[in-house]
Amino acid sequence: MSTVNGLPAHVLLVHIVVVLVPLAALALVAAALWPRAARRLGVLLPGIALVALVSVPLTTQAGEWLERHVTEDTLVRRHTELGDGLLPWALGLFVLATVVWWATRRTGQEQAPGKGARWSALPVRIVVGVLSVAVAAGAVVDVYRIGDSGAKAAWHDAYQKTAQGN
């Protein structure tokens, strides 16, 4: 993917990643810590995480195309290096979101009416909760670092600090 309507595709696709990865992270943490949230989110939980996961390599690929079409720069190189590290975080979000959704769905079907909501044994739920918080935090921090480096690469000498009179 190279351009969309004359603009580099990377500058458009990056917005999908910047919105969906943190959204998937937030939804995952909520669902992992509160089974009621997991039941309410349902299949939307792994669905958001899947779209976020798929958008990462598409955005990275478009970014690699863009990198070949801009001036060689240490800021661009740093942004590229950081961007290559997001895929494992997005994959972790998707895997955990799928586990939480599946476990919630499965226990919801087996549960007798009127009993309290328990989607898994407590130790498993604690492990999944801790992993979900850790992966979500890692993903969000990584998105921030990548975005910050991209903004610096794109804007470091592209504007004046004082306003220009018209």
Protein backbone atom coordinates (compact mmCIF):
# COMPACT_ATOMS: atom_id res chain seq x y z
CA MET A 1 0.00 0.00 0.00
CA SER A 2 1.49 3.33 -1.00
CA THR A 3 -0.94 6.23 -1.35
CA VAL A 4 -4.62 6.92 -0.79
CA ASN A 5 -6.09 9.85 -2.68
CA GLY A 6 -2.62 11.32 -3.15
CA LEU A 7 -1.59 11.05 0.52
CA PRO A 8 0.83 8.46 1.90
CA ALA A 9 -1.32 5.60 3.21
CA HIS A 10 0.72 5.46 6.41
CA VAL A 11 -0.52 8.87 7.59
CA LEU A 12 -4.10 7.66 7.23
CA LEU A 13 -3.72 4.10 8.53
CA VAL A 14 -1.82 5.21 11.62
CA HIS A 15 -5.04 6.72 12.97
CA ILE A 16 -6.66 3.29 13.02
CA VAL A 17 -3.79 1.94 15.11
CA VAL A 18 -3.72 4.95 17.43
CA VAL A 19 -7.44 4.55 18.18
CA LEU A 20 -7.98 0.78 18.11
CA VAL A 21 -4.93 -0.49 20.01
CA PRO A 22 -5.67 1.61 23.13
CA LEU A 23 -9.40 0.89 22.76
CA ALA A 24 -8.71 -2.85 22.58
CA ALA A 25 -6.38 -2.54 25.58
CA LEU A 26 -9.01 -0.71 27.63
CA ALA A 27 -11.74 -3.19 26.67
CA LEU A 28 -9.46 -6.13 27.48
CA VAL A 29 -8.63 -4.83 30.95
CA ALA A 30 -12.27 -4.09 31.70
CA ALA A 31 -13.36 -7.53 30.49
CA ALA A 32 -10.54 -9.40 32.24
CA LEU A 33 -11.21 -7.72 35.58
CA TRP A 34 -15.02 -7.58 35.43
CA PRO A 35 -16.79 -10.61 33.95
CA ARG A 36 -19.96 -8.56 33.55
CA ALA A 37 -18.08 -6.21 31.19
CA ALA A 38 -16.81 -9.24 29.28
CA ARG A 39 -20.36 -10.55 28.86
CA ARG A 40 -21.59 -7.14 27.69
CA LEU A 41 -18.75 -6.73 25.21
CA GLY A 42 -19.22 -10.25 23.88
CA VAL A 43 -17.65 -10.94 20.50
CA LEU A 44 -16.90 -7.23 20.12
CA LEU A 45 -13.90 -7.71 22.46
CA PRO A 46 -11.88 -10.04 20.20
CA GLY A 47 -13.32 -8.27 17.14
CA ILE A 48 -11.78 -4.92 18.09
CA ALA A 49 -8.52 -6.62 19.00
CA LEU A 50 -8.49 -8.45 15.64
CA VAL A 51 -8.99 -5.27 13.63
CA ALA A 52 -6.26 -3.59 15.70
CA LEU A 53 -3.95 -6.56 15.07
CA VAL A 54 -4.56 -6.54 11.31
CA SER A 55 -4.08 -2.77 11.12
CA VAL A 56 -0.59 -2.91 12.65
CA PRO A 57 1.22 -4.75 9.80
CA LEU A 58 -0.75 -2.78 7.20
CA THR A 59 0.35 0.48 8.80
CA THR A 60 3.93 -0.76 9.21
CA GLN A 61 4.07 -1.82 5.57
CA ALA A 62 2.76 1.56 4.45
CA GLY A 63 5.31 3.19 6.74
CA GLU A 64 8.14 1.24 5.16
CA TRP A 65 6.99 2.47 1.75
CA LEU A 66 6.91 6.04 3.07
CA GLU A 67 10.36 5.65 4.63
CA ARG A 68 11.78 4.93 1.17
CA HIS A 69 10.19 8.17 -0.10
CA VAL A 70 11.44 10.62 2.52
CA THR A 71 14.88 12.01 3.29
CA GLU A 72 17.11 9.72 5.35
CA ASP A 73 16.92 10.94 8.93
CA THR A 74 17.76 9.58 12.40
CA LEU A 75 14.30 10.52 13.67
CA VAL A 76 12.63 8.56 10.87
CA ARG A 77 14.91 5.61 11.53
CA ARG A 78 14.05 5.70 15.27
CA HIS A 79 10.33 5.82 14.46
CA THR A 80 10.69 2.86 12.11
CA GLU A 81 12.56 0.83 14.72
CA LEU A 82 9.93 1.53 17.37
CA GLY A 83 7.09 0.77 14.95
CA ASP A 84 8.46 -2.70 14.30
CA GLY A 85 7.88 -3.58 17.95
CA LEU A 86 4.11 -3.07 18.10
CA LEU A 87 3.00 -6.29 16.41
CA PRO A 88 3.77 -8.60 19.38
CA TRP A 89 1.78 -6.31 21.69
CA ALA A 90 -1.18 -6.28 19.30
CA LEU A 91 -0.99 -10.06 19.00
CA GLY A 92 -0.97 -10.35 22.79
CA LEU A 93 -4.06 -8.13 23.00
CA PHE A 94 -5.87 -10.30 20.47
CA VAL A 95 -4.92 -13.61 22.11
CA LEU A 96 -5.93 -12.44 25.59
CA ALA A 97 -9.14 -10.83 24.30
CA THR A 98 -10.04 -14.11 22.64
CA VAL A 99 -9.28 -16.09 25.81
CA VAL A 100 -11.40 -13.76 27.95
CA TRP A 101 -14.27 -13.81 25.45
CA TRP A 102 -14.15 -17.60 25.06
CA ALA A 103 -13.94 -18.26 28.81
CA THR A 104 -16.80 -15.84 29.54
CA ARG A 105 -18.94 -17.30 26.78
CA ARG A 106 -18.24 -20.86 27.82
CA THR A 107 -19.05 -20.40 31.51
CA GLY A 108 -22.11 -18.34 30.63
CA GLN A 109 -23.51 -21.34 28.76
CA GLU A 110 -22.70 -23.80 31.58
CA GLN A 111 -23.94 -21.57 34.37
CA ALA A 112 -27.17 -22.36 36.12
CA PRO A 113 -29.64 -19.47 36.31
CA GLY A 114 -29.36 -17.34 39.43
CA LYS A 115 -25.76 -18.30 40.29
CA GLY A 116 -22.96 -15.73 40.50
CA ALA A 117 -20.84 -15.02 37.43
CA ARG A 118 -17.59 -16.99 37.39
CA TRP A 119 -15.98 -17.43 34.00
CA SER A 120 -13.06 -19.44 35.31
CA ALA A 121 -11.33 -20.70 38.38
CA LEU A 122 -9.99 -17.86 40.50
CA PRO A 123 -6.24 -18.57 39.96
CA VAL A 124 -6.70 -18.65 36.17
CA ARG A 125 -8.76 -15.47 36.30
CA ILE A 126 -6.04 -13.74 38.34
CA VAL A 127 -3.32 -14.80 35.89
CA VAL A 128 -5.37 -13.68 32.89
CA GLY A 129 -6.16 -10.39 34.64
CA VAL A 130 -2.52 -9.67 35.44
CA LEU A 131 -1.41 -10.62 31.91
CA SER A 132 -4.17 -8.47 30.42
CA VAL A 133 -3.15 -5.41 32.45
CA ALA A 134 0.53 -5.94 31.59
CA VAL A 135 -0.04 -6.45 27.85
CA ALA A 136 -2.55 -3.59 27.67
CA ALA A 137 -0.13 -1.23 29.43
CA GLY A 138 2.75 -2.34 27.19
CA ALA A 139 0.68 -1.84 24.05
CA VAL A 140 -0.53 1.62 25.05
CA VAL A 141 2.95 2.77 26.09
CA ASP A 142 4.37 1.43 22.82
CA VAL A 143 1.70 3.24 20.76
CA TYR A 144 2.56 6.45 22.63
CA ARG A 145 6.31 6.06 22.06
CA ILE A 146 5.85 5.24 18.37
CA GLY A 147 3.43 8.13 17.87
CA ASP A 148 5.70 10.57 19.67
CA SER A 149 8.69 9.54 17.58
CA GLY A 150 6.60 9.77 14.40
CA ALA A 151 5.39 13.25 15.27
CA LYS A 152 8.96 14.37 15.97
CA ALA A 153 10.13 12.85 12.68
CA ALA A 154 7.34 14.54 10.71
CA TRP A 155 7.32 17.93 12.40
CA HIS A 156 10.83 18.57 13.82
CA ASP A 157 11.63 21.39 11.35
CA ALA A 158 8.27 21.86 9.66
CA TYR A 159 6.85 24.80 11.58
CA GLN A 160 7.93 28.05 13.21
CA LYS A 161 7.55 28.51 16.95
CA THR A 162 6.13 32.04 16.52
CA ALA A 163 2.97 32.85 14.59
CA GLN A 164 3.30 34.52 11.23
CA GLY A 165 1.26 37.64 10.48
CA ASN A 166 -1.02 37.51 7.47
